[in-house]
PDB file of N, CA and C in Angstrom:
ATOM      1  N   MET A   1     -11.906 -21.748  30.349  1.00  0.00           N
ATOM      2  CA  MET A   1     -11.899 -21.290  31.722  1.00  0.00           C
ATOM      3  C   MET A   1     -11.649 -22.453  32.680  1.00  0.00           C
ATOM      4  N   ILE A   2     -12.238 -23.598  32.387  1.00  0.00           N
ATOM      5  CA  ILE A   2     -12.049 -24.750  33.262  1.00  0.00           C
ATOM      6  C   ILE A   2     -10.605 -25.232  33.210  1.00  0.00           C
ATOM      7  N   MET A   3     -10.018 -25.227  32.020  1.00  0.00           N
ATOM      8  CA  MET A   3      -8.618 -25.626  31.889  1.00  0.00           C
ATOM      9  C   MET A   3      -7.709 -24.663  32.656  1.00  0.00           C
ATOM     10  N   GLU A   4      -8.000 -23.392  32.574  1.00  0.00           N
ATOM     11  CA  GLU A   4      -7.204 -22.403  33.298  1.00  0.00           C
ATOM     12  C   GLU A   4      -7.330 -22.605  34.808  1.00  0.00           C
ATOM     13  N   LEU A   5      -8.551 -22.867  35.269  1.00  0.00           N
ATOM     14  CA  LEU A   5      -8.772 -23.151  36.682  1.00  0.00           C
ATOM     15  C   LEU A   5      -7.981 -24.386  37.102  1.00  0.00           C
ATOM     16  N   HIS A   6      -8.026 -25.418  36.284  1.00  0.00           N
ATOM     17  CA  HIS A   6      -7.295 -26.652  36.565  1.00  0.00           C
ATOM     18  C   HIS A   6      -5.788 -26.379  36.664  1.00  0.00           C
ATOM     19  N   GLU A   7      -5.264 -25.594  35.739  1.00  0.00           N
ATOM     20  CA  GLU A   7      -3.835 -25.277  35.734  1.00  0.00           C
ATOM     21  C   GLU A   7      -3.439 -24.445  36.954  1.00  0.00           C
ATOM     22  N   GLN A   8      -4.261 -23.454  37.300  1.00  0.00           N
ATOM     23  CA  GLN A   8      -3.963 -22.605  38.458  1.00  0.00           C
ATOM     24  C   GLN A   8      -4.045 -23.418  39.760  1.00  0.00           C
ATOM     25  N   ASN A   9      -5.007 -24.322  39.825  1.00  0.00           N
ATOM     26  CA  ASN A   9      -5.119 -25.200  40.998  1.00  0.00           C
ATOM     27  C   ASN A   9      -3.863 -26.042  41.158  1.00  0.00           C
ATOM     28  N   ALA A  10      -3.380 -26.598  40.043  1.00  0.00           N
ATOM     29  CA  ALA A  10      -2.195 -27.462  40.075  1.00  0.00           C
ATOM     30  C   ALA A  10      -0.970 -26.699  40.575  1.00  0.00           C
ATOM     31  N   LYS A  11      -0.876 -25.419  40.248  1.00  0.00           N
ATOM     32  CA  LYS A  11       0.268 -24.609  40.672  1.00  0.00           C
ATOM     33  C   LYS A  11       0.372 -24.499  42.185  1.00  0.00           C
ATOM     34  N   VAL A  12      -0.759 -24.531  42.867  1.00  0.00           N
ATOM     35  CA  VAL A  12      -0.746 -24.407  44.324  1.00  0.00           C
ATOM     36  C   VAL A  12      -1.015 -25.749  45.020  1.00  0.00           C
ATOM     37  N   GLY A  13      -0.991 -26.826  44.239  1.00  0.00           N
ATOM     38  CA  GLY A  13      -1.131 -28.157  44.816  1.00  0.00           C
ATOM     39  C   GLY A  13      -2.551 -28.648  44.999  1.00  0.00           C
ATOM     40  N   LEU A  14      -3.514 -27.986  44.386  1.00  0.00           N
ATOM     41  CA  LEU A  14      -4.901 -28.427  44.474  1.00  0.00           C
ATOM     42  C   LEU A  14      -5.245 -29.290  43.265  1.00  0.00           C
ATOM     43  N   LYS A  15      -6.170 -30.226  43.470  1.00  0.00           N
ATOM     44  CA  LYS A  15      -6.581 -31.099  42.372  1.00  0.00           C
ATOM     45  C   LYS A  15      -8.103 -31.064  42.254  1.00  0.00           C
ATOM     46  N   MET A  16      -8.586 -30.906  41.032  1.00  0.00           N
ATOM     47  CA  MET A  16     -10.020 -30.855  40.782  1.00  0.00           C
ATOM     48  C   MET A  16     -10.607 -32.264  40.902  1.00  0.00           C
ATOM     49  N   ASN A  17     -11.685 -32.407  41.652  1.00  0.00           N
ATOM     50  CA  ASN A  17     -12.364 -33.695  41.773  1.00  0.00           C
ATOM     51  C   ASN A  17     -13.239 -33.880  40.540  1.00  0.00           C
ATOM     52  N   GLN A  18     -12.791 -34.723  39.620  1.00  0.00           N
ATOM     53  CA  GLN A  18     -13.502 -34.889  38.355  1.00  0.00           C
ATOM     54  C   GLN A  18     -14.805 -35.652  38.513  1.00  0.00           C
ATOM     55  N   GLY A  19     -14.944 -36.404  39.585  1.00  0.00           N
ATOM     56  CA  GLY A  19     -16.197 -37.102  39.840  1.00  0.00           C
ATOM     57  C   GLY A  19     -17.306 -36.161  40.287  1.00  0.00           C
ATOM     58  N   LYS A  20     -16.929 -35.069  40.940  1.00  0.00           N
ATOM     59  CA  LYS A  20     -17.914 -34.113  41.431  1.00  0.00           C
ATOM     60  C   LYS A  20     -18.067 -32.897  40.522  1.00  0.00           C
ATOM     61  N   THR A  21     -17.130 -32.689  39.613  1.00  0.00           N
ATOM     62  CA  THR A  21     -17.176 -31.524  38.738  1.00  0.00           C
ATOM     63  C   THR A  21     -18.100 -31.808  37.564  1.00  0.00           C
ATOM     64  N   LYS A  22     -19.088 -30.983  37.397  1.00  0.00           N
ATOM     65  CA  LYS A  22     -20.071 -31.138  36.310  1.00  0.00           C
ATOM     66  C   LYS A  22     -20.037 -29.893  35.432  1.00  0.00           C
ATOM     67  N   VAL A  23     -20.542 -30.035  34.219  1.00  0.00           N
ATOM     68  CA  VAL A  23     -20.592 -28.919  33.279  1.00  0.00           C
ATOM     69  C   VAL A  23     -22.052 -28.689  32.904  1.00  0.00           C
ATOM     70  N   MET A  24     -22.497 -27.435  33.028  1.00  0.00           N
ATOM     71  CA  MET A  24     -23.844 -27.061  32.618  1.00  0.00           C
ATOM     72  C   MET A  24     -23.700 -25.968  31.567  1.00  0.00           C
ATOM     73  N   LEU A  25     -24.087 -26.290  30.350  1.00  0.00           N
ATOM     74  CA  LEU A  25     -23.949 -25.356  29.243  1.00  0.00           C
ATOM     75  C   LEU A  25     -25.279 -24.691  28.939  1.00  0.00           C
ATOM     76  N   SER A  26     -25.221 -23.509  28.409  1.00  0.00           N
ATOM     77  CA  SER A  26     -26.416 -22.796  27.978  1.00  0.00           C
ATOM     78  C   SER A  26     -27.101 -23.576  26.875  1.00  0.00           C
ATOM     79  N   LYS A  27     -28.413 -23.394  26.755  1.00  0.00           N
ATOM     80  CA  LYS A  27     -29.141 -24.046  25.663  1.00  0.00           C
ATOM     81  C   LYS A  27     -28.648 -23.563  24.301  1.00  0.00           C
ATOM     82  N   LEU A  28     -28.102 -22.369  24.263  1.00  0.00           N
ATOM     83  CA  LEU A  28     -27.600 -21.814  23.010  1.00  0.00           C
ATOM     84  C   LEU A  28     -26.223 -22.361  22.641  1.00  0.00           C
ATOM     85  N   THR A  29     -25.549 -22.945  23.612  1.00  0.00           N
ATOM     86  CA  THR A  29     -24.215 -23.492  23.372  1.00  0.00           C
ATOM     87  C   THR A  29     -24.338 -24.937  22.923  1.00  0.00           C
ATOM     88  N   PRO A  30     -23.697 -25.305  21.821  1.00  0.00           N
ATOM     89  CA  PRO A  30     -23.751 -26.708  21.407  1.00  0.00           C
ATOM     90  C   PRO A  30     -23.061 -27.597  22.441  1.00  0.00           C
ATOM     91  N   LYS A  31     -23.595 -28.798  22.623  1.00  0.00           N
ATOM     92  CA  LYS A  31     -23.012 -29.730  23.581  1.00  0.00           C
ATOM     93  C   LYS A  31     -21.602 -30.086  23.138  1.00  0.00           C
ATOM     94  N   THR A  32     -20.660 -29.873  24.025  1.00  0.00           N
ATOM     95  CA  THR A  32     -19.271 -30.203  23.750  1.00  0.00           C
ATOM     96  C   THR A  32     -18.710 -30.978  24.930  1.00  0.00           C
ATOM     97  N   ASN A  33     -17.714 -31.768  24.658  1.00  0.00           N
ATOM     98  CA  ASN A  33     -17.044 -32.507  25.722  1.00  0.00           C
ATOM     99  C   ASN A  33     -15.875 -31.683  26.235  1.00  0.00           C
ATOM    100  N   ILE A  34     -15.882 -31.439  27.522  1.00  0.00           N
ATOM    101  CA  ILE A  34     -14.796 -30.714  28.160  1.00  0.00           C
ATOM    102  C   ILE A  34     -13.979 -31.738  28.925  1.00  0.00           C
ATOM    103  N   GLN A  35     -12.683 -31.738  28.684  1.00  0.00           N
ATOM    104  CA  GLN A  35     -11.817 -32.747  29.274  1.00  0.00           C
ATOM    105  C   GLN A  35     -10.809 -32.127  30.237  1.00  0.00           C
ATOM    106  N   ILE A  36     -10.554 -32.858  31.298  1.00  0.00           N
ATOM    107  CA  ILE A  36      -9.482 -32.545  32.244  1.00  0.00           C
ATOM    108  C   ILE A  36      -8.662 -33.829  32.369  1.00  0.00           C
ATOM    109  N   ASP A  37      -7.394 -33.751  32.080  1.00  0.00           N
ATOM    110  CA  ASP A  37      -6.502 -34.920  32.125  1.00  0.00           C
ATOM    111  C   ASP A  37      -7.069 -36.090  31.321  1.00  0.00           C
ATOM    112  N   ASP A  38      -7.537 -35.806  30.114  1.00  0.00           N
ATOM    113  CA  ASP A  38      -8.080 -36.809  29.180  1.00  0.00           C
ATOM    114  C   ASP A  38      -9.327 -37.519  29.690  1.00  0.00           C
ATOM    115  N   LYS A  39     -10.033 -36.924  30.642  1.00  0.00           N
ATOM    116  CA  LYS A  39     -11.303 -37.479  31.119  1.00  0.00           C
ATOM    117  C   LYS A  39     -12.390 -36.450  30.875  1.00  0.00           C
ATOM    118  N   ASN A  40     -13.512 -36.900  30.277  1.00  0.00           N
ATOM    119  CA  ASN A  40     -14.631 -36.001  30.004  1.00  0.00           C
ATOM    120  C   ASN A  40     -15.354 -35.638  31.294  1.00  0.00           C
ATOM    121  N   LEU A  41     -15.679 -34.349  31.448  1.00  0.00           N
ATOM    122  CA  LEU A  41     -16.535 -33.918  32.541  1.00  0.00           C
ATOM    123  C   LEU A  41     -17.983 -34.143  32.118  1.00  0.00           C
ATOM    124  N   GLU A  42     -18.807 -34.537  33.069  1.00  0.00           N
ATOM    125  CA  GLU A  42     -20.198 -34.861  32.774  1.00  0.00           C
ATOM    126  C   GLU A  42     -21.006 -33.594  32.466  1.00  0.00           C
ATOM    127  N   ASN A  43     -21.769 -33.626  31.356  1.00  0.00           N
ATOM    128  CA  ASN A  43     -22.700 -32.543  31.016  1.00  0.00           C
ATOM    129  C   ASN A  43     -24.028 -32.825  31.708  1.00  0.00           C
ATOM    130  N   VAL A  44     -24.572 -31.837  32.400  1.00  0.00           N
ATOM    131  CA  VAL A  44     -25.832 -32.016  33.122  1.00  0.00           C
ATOM    132  C   VAL A  44     -26.800 -30.882  32.786  1.00  0.00           C
ATOM    133  N   ASP A  45     -28.096 -31.153  32.944  1.00  0.00           N
ATOM    134  CA  ASP A  45     -29.129 -30.128  32.761  1.00  0.00           C
ATOM    135  C   ASP A  45     -29.544 -29.517  34.091  1.00  0.00           C
ATOM    136  N   ASN A  46     -29.335 -30.256  35.191  1.00  0.00           N
ATOM    137  CA  ASN A  46     -29.577 -29.712  36.516  1.00  0.00           C
ATOM    138  C   ASN A  46     -28.572 -30.336  37.477  1.00  0.00           C
ATOM    139  N   TYR A  47     -28.334 -29.615  38.579  1.00  0.00           N
ATOM    140  CA  TYR A  47     -27.293 -30.038  39.502  1.00  0.00           C
ATOM    141  C   TYR A  47     -27.630 -29.562  40.902  1.00  0.00           C
ATOM    142  N   LEU A  48     -27.449 -30.451  41.860  1.00  0.00           N
ATOM    143  CA  LEU A  48     -27.693 -30.126  43.260  1.00  0.00           C
ATOM    144  C   LEU A  48     -26.387 -29.634  43.877  1.00  0.00           C
ATOM    145  N   CYS A  49     -26.384 -28.385  44.296  1.00  0.00           N
ATOM    146  CA  CYS A  49     -25.178 -27.782  44.865  1.00  0.00           C
ATOM    147  C   CYS A  49     -25.542 -27.055  46.151  1.00  0.00           C
ATOM    148  N   LEU A  50     -24.878 -27.411  47.234  1.00  0.00           N
ATOM    149  CA  LEU A  50     -25.123 -26.799  48.543  1.00  0.00           C
ATOM    150  C   LEU A  50     -26.604 -26.834  48.926  1.00  0.00           C
ATOM    151  N   GLY A  51     -27.260 -27.931  48.608  1.00  0.00           N
ATOM    152  CA  GLY A  51     -28.652 -28.114  48.995  1.00  0.00           C
ATOM    153  C   GLY A  51     -29.677 -27.460  48.102  1.00  0.00           C
ATOM    154  N   GLN A  52     -29.252 -26.867  47.008  1.00  0.00           N
ATOM    155  CA  GLN A  52     -30.193 -26.215  46.101  1.00  0.00           C
ATOM    156  C   GLN A  52     -30.017 -26.774  44.700  1.00  0.00           C
ATOM    157  N   LEU A  53     -31.139 -27.011  44.028  1.00  0.00           N
ATOM    158  CA  LEU A  53     -31.122 -27.560  42.681  1.00  0.00           C
ATOM    159  C   LEU A  53     -31.078 -26.428  41.665  1.00  0.00           C
ATOM    160  N   PHE A  54     -30.047 -26.442  40.839  1.00  0.00           N
ATOM    161  CA  PHE A  54     -29.910 -25.476  39.751  1.00  0.00           C
ATOM    162  C   PHE A  54     -30.221 -26.194  38.452  1.00  0.00           C
ATOM    163  N   SER A  55     -30.955 -25.536  37.558  1.00  0.00           N
ATOM    164  CA  SER A  55     -31.274 -26.169  36.281  1.00  0.00           C
ATOM    165  C   SER A  55     -30.984 -25.211  35.134  1.00  0.00           C
ATOM    166  N   ILE A  56     -30.698 -25.797  33.981  1.00  0.00           N
ATOM    167  CA  ILE A  56     -30.312 -25.020  32.807  1.00  0.00           C
ATOM    168  C   ILE A  56     -31.455 -24.123  32.332  1.00  0.00           C
ATOM    169  N   ASP A  57     -32.693 -24.593  32.474  1.00  0.00           N
ATOM    170  CA  ASP A  57     -33.835 -23.796  32.013  1.00  0.00           C
ATOM    171  C   ASP A  57     -34.425 -22.940  33.131  1.00  0.00           C
ATOM    172  N   ASN A  58     -33.762 -22.916  34.289  1.00  0.00           N
ATOM    173  CA  ASN A  58     -34.187 -22.109  35.429  1.00  0.00           C
ATOM    174  C   ASN A  58     -35.624 -22.417  35.849  1.00  0.00           C
ATOM    175  N   ASN A  59     -35.991 -23.705  35.777  1.00  0.00           N
ATOM    176  CA  ASN A  59     -37.329 -24.145  36.163  1.00  0.00           C
ATOM    177  C   ASN A  59     -37.393 -24.241  37.686  1.00  0.00           C
ATOM    178  N   ILE A  60     -37.856 -23.194  38.309  1.00  0.00           N
ATOM    179  CA  ILE A  60     -37.880 -23.104  39.756  1.00  0.00           C
ATOM    180  C   ILE A  60     -38.939 -24.010  40.373  1.00  0.00           C
ATOM    181  N   GLU A  61     -39.928 -24.433  39.582  1.00  0.00           N
ATOM    182  CA  GLU A  61     -40.990 -25.300  40.109  1.00  0.00           C
ATOM    183  C   GLU A  61     -40.429 -26.621  40.619  1.00  0.00           C
ATOM    184  N   ILE A  62     -39.418 -27.152  39.959  1.00  0.00           N
ATOM    185  CA  ILE A  62     -38.801 -28.404  40.396  1.00  0.00           C
ATOM    186  C   ILE A  62     -38.163 -28.210  41.768  1.00  0.00           C
ATOM    187  N   GLU A  63     -37.451 -27.109  41.941  1.00  0.00           N
ATOM    188  CA  GLU A  63     -36.807 -26.830  43.225  1.00  0.00           C
ATOM    189  C   GLU A  63     -37.850 -26.596  44.315  1.00  0.00           C
ATOM    190  N   ILE A  64     -38.923 -25.894  44.008  1.00  0.00           N
ATOM    191  CA  ILE A  64     -39.969 -25.644  45.009  1.00  0.00           C
ATOM    192  C   ILE A  64     -40.630 -26.959  45.422  1.00  0.00           C
ATOM    193  N   ARG A  65     -40.929 -27.822  44.450  1.00  0.00           N
ATOM    194  CA  ARG A  65     -41.512 -29.137  44.783  1.00  0.00           C
ATOM    195  C   ARG A  65     -40.548 -29.949  45.652  1.00  0.00           C
ATOM    196  N   ARG A  66     -39.265 -29.869  45.352  1.00  0.00           N
ATOM    197  CA  ARG A  66     -38.258 -30.587  46.129  1.00  0.00           C
ATOM    198  C   ARG A  66     -38.196 -30.047  47.557  1.00  0.00           C
ATOM    199  N   ARG A  67     -38.275 -28.737  47.716  1.00  0.00           N
ATOM    200  CA  ARG A  67     -38.271 -28.121  49.039  1.00  0.00           C
ATOM    201  C   ARG A  67     -39.520 -28.509  49.830  1.00  0.00           C
ATOM    202  N   ILE A  68     -40.685 -28.509  49.162  1.00  0.00           N
ATOM    203  CA  ILE A  68     -41.933 -28.912  49.841  1.00  0.00           C
ATOM    204  C   ILE A  68     -41.823 -30.351  50.315  1.00  0.00           C
ATOM    205  N   SER A  69     -41.299 -31.213  49.461  1.00  0.00           N
ATOM    206  CA  SER A  69     -41.117 -32.615  49.820  1.00  0.00           C
ATOM    207  C   SER A  69     -40.160 -32.757  51.002  1.00  0.00           C
ATOM    208  N   SER A  70     -39.090 -31.986  51.010  1.00  0.00           N
ATOM    209  CA  SER A  70     -38.136 -32.024  52.128  1.00  0.00           C
ATOM    210  C   SER A  70     -38.793 -31.568  53.425  1.00  0.00           C
ATOM    211  N   ALA A  71     -39.610 -30.522  53.339  1.00  0.00           N
ATOM    212  CA  ALA A  71     -40.292 -30.016  54.538  1.00  0.00           C
ATOM    213  C   ALA A  71     -41.277 -31.050  55.074  1.00  0.00           C
ATOM    214  N   TRP A  72     -42.034 -31.715  54.192  1.00  0.00           N
ATOM    215  CA  TRP A  72     -42.964 -32.751  54.634  1.00  0.00           C
ATOM    216  C   TRP A  72     -42.201 -33.925  55.256  1.00  0.00           C
ATOM    217  N   SER A  73     -41.058 -34.239  54.687  1.00  0.00           N
ATOM    218  CA  SER A  73     -40.229 -35.317  55.233  1.00  0.00           C
ATOM    219  C   SER A  73     -39.762 -34.961  56.641  1.00  0.00           C
ATOM    220  N   LYS A  74     -39.293 -33.738  56.812  1.00  0.00           N
ATOM    221  CA  LYS A  74     -38.849 -33.278  58.131  1.00  0.00           C
ATOM    222  C   LYS A  74     -40.031 -33.253  59.101  1.00  0.00           C
ATOM    223  N   PHE A  75     -41.199 -32.824  58.623  1.00  0.00           N
ATOM    224  CA  PHE A  75     -42.403 -32.824  59.458  1.00  0.00           C
ATOM    225  C   PHE A  75     -42.721 -34.244  59.915  1.00  0.00           C
ATOM    226  N   GLY A  76     -42.608 -35.212  58.994  1.00  0.00           N
ATOM    227  CA  GLY A  76     -42.854 -36.612  59.338  1.00  0.00           C
ATOM    228  C   GLY A  76     -41.889 -37.121  60.401  1.00  0.00           C
ATOM    229  N   GLU A  77     -40.613 -36.723  60.282  1.00  0.00           N
ATOM    230  CA  GLU A  77     -39.613 -37.130  61.279  1.00  0.00           C
ATOM    231  C   GLU A  77     -39.946 -36.588  62.665  1.00  0.00           C
ATOM    232  N   LEU A  78     -40.472 -35.382  62.707  1.00  0.00           N
ATOM    233  CA  LEU A  78     -40.719 -34.709  63.979  1.00  0.00           C
ATOM    234  C   LEU A  78     -42.171 -34.797  64.443  1.00  0.00           C
ATOM    235  N   SER A  79     -43.024 -35.464  63.687  1.00  0.00           N
ATOM    236  CA  SER A  79     -44.456 -35.470  63.998  1.00  0.00           C
ATOM    237  C   SER A  79     -44.761 -36.120  65.343  1.00  0.00           C
ATOM    238  N   ARG A  80     -43.933 -37.067  65.773  1.00  0.00           N
ATOM    239  CA  ARG A  80     -44.210 -37.689  67.082  1.00  0.00           C
ATOM    240  C   ARG A  80     -44.124 -36.661  68.207  1.00  0.00           C
ATOM    241  N   TYR A  81     -43.268 -35.662  68.046  1.00  0.00           N
ATOM    242  CA  TYR A  81     -43.170 -34.599  69.048  1.00  0.00           C
ATOM    243  C   TYR A  81     -44.285 -33.581  68.881  1.00  0.00           C
ATOM    244  N   LEU A  82     -44.620 -33.301  67.635  1.00  0.00           N
ATOM    245  CA  LEU A  82     -45.657 -32.298  67.365  1.00  0.00           C
ATOM    246  C   LEU A  82     -47.047 -32.797  67.736  1.00  0.00           C
ATOM    247  N   GLN A  83     -47.237 -34.111  67.712  1.00  0.00           N
ATOM    248  CA  GLN A  83     -48.552 -34.678  68.025  1.00  0.00           C
ATOM    249  C   GLN A  83     -48.666 -35.162  69.474  1.00  0.00           C
ATOM    250  N   GLU A  84     -47.593 -35.069  70.206  1.00  0.00           N
ATOM    251  CA  GLU A  84     -47.594 -35.510  71.609  1.00  0.00           C
ATOM    252  C   GLU A  84     -48.389 -34.524  72.456  1.00  0.00           C
ATOM    253  N   PRO A  85     -49.488 -34.986  73.071  1.00  0.00           N
ATOM    254  CA  PRO A  85     -50.326 -34.076  73.868  1.00  0.00           C
ATOM    255  C   PRO A  85     -49.604 -33.475  75.083  1.00  0.00           C
ATOM    256  N   LYS A  86     -48.603 -34.166  75.611  1.00  0.00           N
ATOM    257  CA  LYS A  86     -47.921 -33.682  76.814  1.00  0.00           C
ATOM    258  C   LYS A  86     -46.877 -32.599  76.488  1.00  0.00           C
ATOM    259  N   PHE A  87     -46.528 -32.447  75.230  1.00  0.00           N
ATOM    260  CA  PHE A  87     -45.558 -31.416  74.837  1.00  0.00           C
ATOM    261  C   PHE A  87     -46.223 -30.052  74.889  1.00  0.00           C
ATOM    262  N   PRO A  88     -45.585 -29.070  75.488  1.00  0.00           N
ATOM    263  CA  PRO A  88     -46.171 -27.717  75.518  1.00  0.00           C
ATOM    264  C   PRO A  88     -46.258 -27.139  74.096  1.00  0.00           C
ATOM    265  N   LEU A  89     -47.251 -26.351  73.865  1.00  0.00           N
ATOM    266  CA  LEU A  89     -47.465 -25.739  72.556  1.00  0.00           C
ATOM    267  C   LEU A  89     -46.281 -24.854  72.161  1.00  0.00           C
ATOM    268  N   THR A  90     -45.670 -24.200  73.134  1.00  0.00           N
ATOM    269  CA  THR A  90     -44.518 -23.335  72.823  1.00  0.00           C
ATOM    270  C   THR A  90     -43.344 -24.157  72.283  1.00  0.00           C
ATOM    271  N   LEU A  91     -43.134 -25.353  72.803  1.00  0.00           N
ATOM    272  CA  LEU A  91     -42.066 -26.223  72.317  1.00  0.00           C
ATOM    273  C   LEU A  91     -42.383 -26.720  70.911  1.00  0.00           C
ATOM    274  N   LYS A  92     -43.642 -27.044  70.672  1.00  0.00           N
ATOM    275  CA  LYS A  92     -44.058 -27.462  69.325  1.00  0.00           C
ATOM    276  C   LYS A  92     -43.834 -26.343  68.316  1.00  0.00           C
ATOM    277  N   GLU A  93     -44.140 -25.119  68.730  1.00  0.00           N
ATOM    278  CA  GLU A  93     -43.935 -23.964  67.857  1.00  0.00           C
ATOM    279  C   GLU A  93     -42.450 -23.788  67.535  1.00  0.00           C
ATOM    280  N   LYS A  94     -41.593 -23.963  68.536  1.00  0.00           N
ATOM    281  CA  LYS A  94     -40.157 -23.834  68.309  1.00  0.00           C
ATOM    282  C   LYS A  94     -39.647 -24.911  67.356  1.00  0.00           C
ATOM    283  N   ILE A  95     -40.112 -26.134  67.531  1.00  0.00           N
ATOM    284  CA  ILE A  95     -39.711 -27.216  66.617  1.00  0.00           C
ATOM    285  C   ILE A  95     -40.129 -26.873  65.197  1.00  0.00           C
ATOM    286  N   PHE A  96     -41.347 -26.402  65.039  1.00  0.00           N
ATOM    287  CA  PHE A  96     -41.854 -26.078  63.703  1.00  0.00           C
ATOM    288  C   PHE A  96     -41.085 -24.922  63.068  1.00  0.00           C
ATOM    289  N   THR A  97     -40.889 -23.843  63.836  1.00  0.00           N
ATOM    290  CA  THR A  97     -40.247 -22.657  63.256  1.00  0.00           C
ATOM    291  C   THR A  97     -38.737 -22.816  63.089  1.00  0.00           C
ATOM    292  N   GLN A  98     -38.106 -23.677  63.888  1.00  0.00           N
ATOM    293  CA  GLN A  98     -36.658 -23.825  63.800  1.00  0.00           C
ATOM    294  C   GLN A  98     -36.209 -25.017  62.968  1.00  0.00           C
ATOM    295  N   CYS A  99     -37.089 -25.970  62.699  1.00  0.00           N
ATOM    296  CA  CYS A  99     -36.692 -27.171  61.949  1.00  0.00           C
ATOM    297  C   CYS A  99     -37.431 -27.337  60.624  1.00  0.00           C
ATOM    298  N   ILE A 100     -38.720 -27.103  60.625  1.00  0.00           N
ATOM    299  CA  ILE A 100     -39.517 -27.390  59.426  1.00  0.00           C
ATOM    300  C   ILE A 100     -39.530 -26.203  58.469  1.00  0.00           C
ATOM    301  N   ILE A 101     -39.807 -25.010  58.958  1.00  0.00           N
ATOM    302  CA  ILE A 101     -39.834 -23.829  58.093  1.00  0.00           C
ATOM    303  C   ILE A 101     -38.486 -23.602  57.400  1.00  0.00           C
ATOM    304  N   PRO A 102     -37.343 -23.667  58.092  1.00  0.00           N
ATOM    305  CA  PRO A 102     -36.063 -23.485  57.388  1.00  0.00           C
ATOM    306  C   PRO A 102     -35.791 -24.560  56.337  1.00  0.00           C
ATOM    307  N   THR A 103     -36.275 -25.769  56.573  1.00  0.00           N
ATOM    308  CA  THR A 103     -36.096 -26.832  55.582  1.00  0.00           C
ATOM    309  C   THR A 103     -36.813 -26.460  54.290  1.00  0.00           C
ATOM    310  N   PHE A 104     -37.984 -25.869  54.413  1.00  0.00           N
ATOM    311  CA  PHE A 104     -38.729 -25.455  53.215  1.00  0.00           C
ATOM    312  C   PHE A 104     -38.128 -24.225  52.557  1.00  0.00           C
ATOM    313  N   THR A 105     -37.760 -23.240  53.341  1.00  0.00           N
ATOM    314  CA  THR A 105     -37.369 -21.950  52.761  1.00  0.00           C
ATOM    315  C   THR A 105     -35.888 -21.828  52.428  1.00  0.00           C
ATOM    316  N   TYR A 106     -35.091 -22.865  52.693  1.00  0.00           N
ATOM    317  CA  TYR A 106     -33.659 -22.789  52.404  1.00  0.00           C
ATOM    318  C   TYR A 106     -33.428 -22.439  50.933  1.00  0.00           C
ATOM    319  N   GLY A 107     -32.694 -21.398  50.683  1.00  0.00           N
ATOM    320  CA  GLY A 107     -32.382 -20.979  49.317  1.00  0.00           C
ATOM    321  C   GLY A 107     -33.471 -20.172  48.649  1.00  0.00           C
ATOM    322  N   ALA A 108     -34.582 -19.913  49.332  1.00  0.00           N
ATOM    323  CA  ALA A 108     -35.710 -19.213  48.711  1.00  0.00           C
ATOM    324  C   ALA A 108     -35.351 -17.803  48.267  1.00  0.00           C
ATOM    325  N   GLU A 109     -34.356 -17.186  48.904  1.00  0.00           N
ATOM    326  CA  GLU A 109     -33.994 -15.825  48.527  1.00  0.00           C
ATOM    327  C   GLU A 109     -33.384 -15.767  47.125  1.00  0.00           C
ATOM    328  N   THR A 110     -32.974 -16.915  46.596  1.00  0.00           N
ATOM    329  CA  THR A 110     -32.397 -16.933  45.241  1.00  0.00           C
ATOM    330  C   THR A 110     -33.381 -17.400  44.185  1.00  0.00           C
ATOM    331  N   TRP A 111     -34.589 -17.782  44.597  1.00  0.00           N
ATOM    332  CA  TRP A 111     -35.576 -18.240  43.627  1.00  0.00           C
ATOM    333  C   TRP A 111     -36.054 -17.070  42.781  1.00  0.00           C
ATOM    334  N   THR A 112     -36.311 -17.356  41.517  1.00  0.00           N
ATOM    335  CA  THR A 112     -36.888 -16.344  40.640  1.00  0.00           C
ATOM    336  C   THR A 112     -38.380 -16.600  40.515  1.00  0.00           C
ATOM    337  N   SER A 113     -39.121 -15.577  40.178  1.00  0.00           N
ATOM    338  CA  SER A 113     -40.570 -15.709  40.036  1.00  0.00           C
ATOM    339  C   SER A 113     -40.923 -15.901  38.576  1.00  0.00           C
ATOM    340  N   PRO A 114     -41.719 -16.944  38.273  1.00  0.00           N
ATOM    341  CA  PRO A 114     -42.166 -17.108  36.892  1.00  0.00           C
ATOM    342  C   PRO A 114     -42.983 -15.896  36.443  1.00  0.00           C
ATOM    343  N   ASN A 115     -42.840 -15.518  35.181  1.00  0.00           N
ATOM    344  CA  ASN A 115     -43.556 -14.353  34.649  1.00  0.00           C
ATOM    345  C   ASN A 115     -45.064 -14.473  34.752  1.00  0.00           C
ATOM    346  N   GLU A 116     -45.592 -15.714  34.655  1.00  0.00           N
ATOM    347  CA  GLU A 116     -47.049 -15.858  34.675  1.00  0.00           C
ATOM    348  C   GLU A 116     -47.652 -15.511  36.034  1.00  0.00           C
ATOM    349  N   TRP A 117     -46.839 -15.445  37.102  1.00  0.00           N
ATOM    350  CA  TRP A 117     -47.354 -15.043  38.407  1.00  0.00           C
ATOM    351  C   TRP A 117     -47.776 -13.593  38.406  1.00  0.00           C
ATOM    352  N   PHE A 118     -47.226 -12.790  37.497  1.00  0.00           N
ATOM    353  CA  PHE A 118     -47.495 -11.371  37.502  1.00  0.00           C
ATOM    354  C   PHE A 118     -48.448 -10.929  36.399  1.00  0.00           C
ATOM    355  N   LYS A 119     -48.998 -11.880  35.677  1.00  0.00           N
ATOM    356  CA  LYS A 119     -49.947 -11.539  34.615  1.00  0.00           C
ATOM    357  C   LYS A 119     -51.303 -11.243  35.241  1.00  0.00           C
ATOM    358  N   ASN A 120     -52.010 -10.301  34.660  1.00  0.00           N
ATOM    359  CA  ASN A 120     -53.359  -9.942  35.171  1.00  0.00           C
ATOM    360  C   ASN A 120     -54.413 -10.718  34.469  1.00  0.00           C
TER     361      ASN A 120
END
């Protein structure tokens, strides 16, 4: 499929960026080297794409920890405004709801729930 994509891209003048193109194979698939123009594409177990971490074992805990860390980082960047006594509470609320909450929840609609969350 990757070779076909590469060939179709070439027909319309597009070139695949081999430095950014990664391969993530199923655990059931034996590790194989996939080549484009005699260069191996890198095999990875997880990959950051459009701000979300995807992993081969679908371990969502890593992504959630990463999102929490990002939200705390954003909170730290904005804490001087949030802790300023002269700032109105409504402005602090807007900063929190428009900057910090989205940083944490970005991509959350695609997260899966671990089965153990639903055990009684």
